[in-house]
Amino acid sequence: MNRYWWGSGNERGIHWKAWDRLCIPKKYGGLGFKDLRALNRAMLEKQAWRFLTRPQSLVARVYKAKYFPRTSFVDAALGSNPSFCWKSIMAAHELVCAGVRRRLVMGKPL
């Protein structure tokens, strides 16, 4: 996260704010993040949702080939030796797939 906000390229970047001050409102000198864990979880859920709604995207096809080649994302499992990214996405998998319903239009899945 440090590299994203303050670095460029391979540089580490400078910590302009202490991590404990990031969630303080802007008017009190913080960066205004409400909850970093909730933000991270929401981003992971958004990626899981994209696996469901855009299965032909490059990222979805790469993950499908590696982690769930014989099933759909709804039926995907963590598997053996998963990457950190896949473990993180699978943490959001249950919540996203619990709210998914399959819709039929004229007898065909949509």
C-alpha atoms as a PDB file:
ATOM      1  CA  MET A   1       0.000   0.000   0.000  1.00  0.00           C
ATOM      2  CA  ASN A   2       2.928   2.281   0.726  1.00  0.00           C
ATOM      3  CA  ARG A   3       4.208   1.881  -2.836  1.00  0.00           C
ATOM      4  CA  TYR A   4       0.756   2.627  -4.289  1.00  0.00           C
ATOM      5  CA  TRP A   5       0.152   5.857  -2.398  1.00  0.00           C
ATOM      6  CA  TRP A   6       3.644   7.299  -2.040  1.00  0.00           C
ATOM      7  CA  GLY A   7       6.071   5.405  -4.263  1.00  0.00           C
ATOM      8  CA  SER A   8       6.793   5.331  -7.964  1.00  0.00           C
ATOM      9  CA  GLY A   9       8.190   2.319  -9.782  1.00  0.00           C
ATOM     10  CA  ASN A  10      10.358   0.176  -7.525  1.00  0.00           C
ATOM     11  CA  GLU A  11      10.938   2.869  -4.902  1.00  0.00           C
ATOM     12  CA  ARG A  12       9.645   2.275  -1.388  1.00  0.00           C
ATOM     13  CA  GLY A  13       8.232   5.761  -1.005  1.00  0.00           C
ATOM     14  CA  ILE A  14       8.096   8.032   1.987  1.00  0.00           C
ATOM     15  CA  HIS A  15       5.582   7.508   4.771  1.00  0.00           C
ATOM     16  CA  TRP A  16       4.038  10.940   5.063  1.00  0.00           C
ATOM     17  CA  LYS A  17       1.476   9.739   7.598  1.00  0.00           C
ATOM     18  CA  ALA A  18       1.671   7.096  10.297  1.00  0.00           C
ATOM     19  CA  TRP A  19      -0.570   4.081   9.635  1.00  0.00           C
ATOM     20  CA  ASP A  20      -2.631   4.787  12.745  1.00  0.00           C
ATOM     21  CA  ARG A  21      -3.447   8.279  11.431  1.00  0.00           C
ATOM     22  CA  LEU A  22      -4.733   7.199   7.998  1.00  0.00           C
ATOM     23  CA  CYS A  23      -8.265   6.657   9.272  1.00  0.00           C
ATOM     24  CA  ILE A  24      -8.547  10.041  10.959  1.00  0.00           C
ATOM     25  CA  PRO A  25     -10.909  12.437   9.124  1.00  0.00           C
ATOM     26  CA  LYS A  26      -9.254  14.899   6.750  1.00  0.00           C
ATOM     27  CA  LYS A  27     -10.369  17.905   8.769  1.00  0.00           C
ATOM     28  CA  TYR A  28      -8.298  16.560  11.687  1.00  0.00           C
ATOM     29  CA  GLY A  29      -5.161  15.890   9.611  1.00  0.00           C
ATOM     30  CA  GLY A  30      -5.737  12.306   8.477  1.00  0.00           C
ATOM     31  CA  LEU A  31      -6.393  10.907   5.004  1.00  0.00           C
ATOM     32  CA  GLY A  32     -10.046  10.160   5.673  1.00  0.00           C
ATOM     33  CA  PHE A  33     -10.115   6.394   5.191  1.00  0.00           C
ATOM     34  CA  LYS A  34     -13.046   5.051   7.189  1.00  0.00           C
ATOM     35  CA  ASP A  35     -11.814   1.497   7.687  1.00  0.00           C
ATOM     36  CA  LEU A  36      -8.872  -0.003   5.751  1.00  0.00           C
ATOM     37  CA  ARG A  37      -9.985  -3.596   6.397  1.00  0.00           C
ATOM     38  CA  ALA A  38     -13.482  -2.864   5.100  1.00  0.00           C
ATOM     39  CA  LEU A  39     -12.034  -1.109   2.041  1.00  0.00           C
ATOM     40  CA  ASN A  40      -9.789  -4.091   1.308  1.00  0.00           C
ATOM     41  CA  ARG A  41     -12.670  -6.537   1.752  1.00  0.00           C
ATOM     42  CA  ALA A  42     -14.872  -4.489  -0.594  1.00  0.00           C
ATOM     43  CA  MET A  43     -12.162  -4.490  -3.279  1.00  0.00           C
ATOM     44  CA  LEU A  44     -11.781  -8.268  -2.981  1.00  0.00           C
ATOM     45  CA  GLU A  45     -15.544  -8.735  -3.239  1.00  0.00           C
ATOM     46  CA  LYS A  46     -15.583  -6.513  -6.314  1.00  0.00           C
ATOM     47  CA  GLN A  47     -12.928  -8.728  -7.934  1.00  0.00           C
ATOM     48  CA  ALA A  48     -14.915 -11.863  -7.075  1.00  0.00           C
ATOM     49  CA  TRP A  49     -18.020 -10.257  -8.586  1.00  0.00           C
ATOM     50  CA  ARG A  50     -16.069  -9.552 -11.783  1.00  0.00           C
ATOM     51  CA  PHE A  51     -15.088 -13.223 -11.994  1.00  0.00           C
ATOM     52  CA  LEU A  52     -18.809 -14.018 -12.008  1.00  0.00           C
ATOM     53  CA  THR A  53     -20.002 -11.288 -14.359  1.00  0.00           C
ATOM     54  CA  ARG A  54     -17.023 -11.092 -16.741  1.00  0.00           C
ATOM     55  CA  PRO A  55     -15.712 -14.652 -17.125  1.00  0.00           C
ATOM     56  CA  GLN A  56     -14.045 -13.805 -20.454  1.00  0.00           C
ATOM     57  CA  SER A  57     -11.759 -11.123 -18.980  1.00  0.00           C
ATOM     58  CA  LEU A  58      -8.055 -11.940 -19.003  1.00  0.00           C
ATOM     59  CA  VAL A  59      -7.772 -12.067 -15.202  1.00  0.00           C
ATOM     60  CA  ALA A  60     -10.791 -14.367 -14.881  1.00  0.00           C
ATOM     61  CA  ARG A  61      -9.424 -16.721 -17.550  1.00  0.00           C
ATOM     62  CA  VAL A  62      -5.974 -16.872 -15.933  1.00  0.00           C
ATOM     63  CA  TYR A  63      -7.401 -17.640 -12.481  1.00  0.00           C
ATOM     64  CA  LYS A  64      -9.826 -20.166 -13.964  1.00  0.00           C
ATOM     65  CA  ALA A  65      -7.007 -21.997 -15.737  1.00  0.00           C
ATOM     66  CA  LYS A  66      -4.933 -22.156 -12.572  1.00  0.00           C
ATOM     67  CA  TYR A  67      -7.438 -22.623  -9.737  1.00  0.00           C
ATOM     68  CA  PHE A  68     -10.784 -23.891 -11.054  1.00  0.00           C
ATOM     69  CA  PRO A  69     -10.352 -25.306 -14.590  1.00  0.00           C
ATOM     70  CA  ARG A  70     -13.167 -27.878 -14.350  1.00  0.00           C
ATOM     71  CA  THR A  71     -15.781 -25.866 -12.438  1.00  0.00           C
ATOM     72  CA  SER A  72     -17.296 -22.417 -12.318  1.00  0.00           C
ATOM     73  CA  PHE A  73     -16.232 -19.686  -9.903  1.00  0.00           C
ATOM     74  CA  VAL A  74     -19.292 -20.413  -7.768  1.00  0.00           C
ATOM     75  CA  ASP A  75     -18.039 -23.972  -7.168  1.00  0.00           C
ATOM     76  CA  ALA A  76     -14.337 -23.042  -6.878  1.00  0.00           C
ATOM     77  CA  ALA A  77     -12.324 -24.186  -3.878  1.00  0.00           C
ATOM     78  CA  LEU A  78      -9.144 -22.893  -2.295  1.00  0.00           C
ATOM     79  CA  GLY A  79      -7.093 -25.860  -3.525  1.00  0.00           C
ATOM     80  CA  SER A  80      -3.538 -26.778  -2.643  1.00  0.00           C
ATOM     81  CA  ASN A  81      -0.731 -24.222  -2.642  1.00  0.00           C
ATOM     82  CA  PRO A  82      -2.883 -21.147  -3.414  1.00  0.00           C
ATOM     83  CA  SER A  83      -1.349 -17.724  -3.941  1.00  0.00           C
ATOM     84  CA  PHE A  84      -1.936 -14.908  -1.464  1.00  0.00           C
ATOM     85  CA  CYS A  85      -4.214 -13.172  -3.997  1.00  0.00           C
ATOM     86  CA  TRP A  86      -6.327 -16.293  -4.522  1.00  0.00           C
ATOM     87  CA  LYS A  87      -6.661 -16.848  -0.762  1.00  0.00           C
ATOM     88  CA  SER A  88      -7.789 -13.242  -0.394  1.00  0.00           C
ATOM     89  CA  ILE A  89     -10.343 -13.507  -3.199  1.00  0.00           C
ATOM     90  CA  MET A  90     -11.647 -16.764  -1.746  1.00  0.00           C
ATOM     91  CA  ALA A  91     -12.192 -14.973   1.570  1.00  0.00           C
ATOM     92  CA  ALA A  92     -14.740 -12.831  -0.291  1.00  0.00           C
ATOM     93  CA  HIS A  93     -16.064 -15.789  -2.325  1.00  0.00           C
ATOM     94  CA  GLU A  94     -18.568 -16.992   0.282  1.00  0.00           C
ATOM     95  CA  LEU A  95     -20.224 -13.612   0.707  1.00  0.00           C
ATOM     96  CA  VAL A  96     -20.452 -12.911  -3.021  1.00  0.00           C
ATOM     97  CA  CYS A  97     -21.719 -16.358  -3.982  1.00  0.00           C
ATOM     98  CA  ALA A  98     -24.240 -16.421  -1.127  1.00  0.00           C
ATOM     99  CA  GLY A  99     -26.053 -13.478  -2.691  1.00  0.00           C
ATOM    100  CA  VAL A 100     -26.001 -14.762  -6.274  1.00  0.00           C
ATOM    101  CA  ARG A 101     -29.117 -16.122  -7.932  1.00  0.00           C
ATOM    102  CA  ARG A 102     -29.226 -17.685 -11.360  1.00  0.00           C
ATOM    103  CA  ARG A 103     -31.798 -16.144 -13.676  1.00  0.00           C
ATOM    104  CA  LEU A 104     -33.435 -17.876 -16.634  1.00  0.00           C
ATOM    105  CA  VAL A 105     -34.567 -15.932 -19.670  1.00  0.00           C
ATOM    106  CA  MET A 106     -36.536 -17.914 -22.226  1.00  0.00           C
ATOM    107  CA  GLY A 107     -35.126 -21.194 -20.860  1.00  0.00           C
ATOM    108  CA  LYS A 108     -31.457 -20.155 -21.067  1.00  0.00           C
ATOM    109  CA  PRO A 109     -29.219 -19.126 -18.164  1.00  0.00           C
ATOM    110  CA  LEU A 110     -28.418 -15.435 -18.154  1.00  0.00           C
END
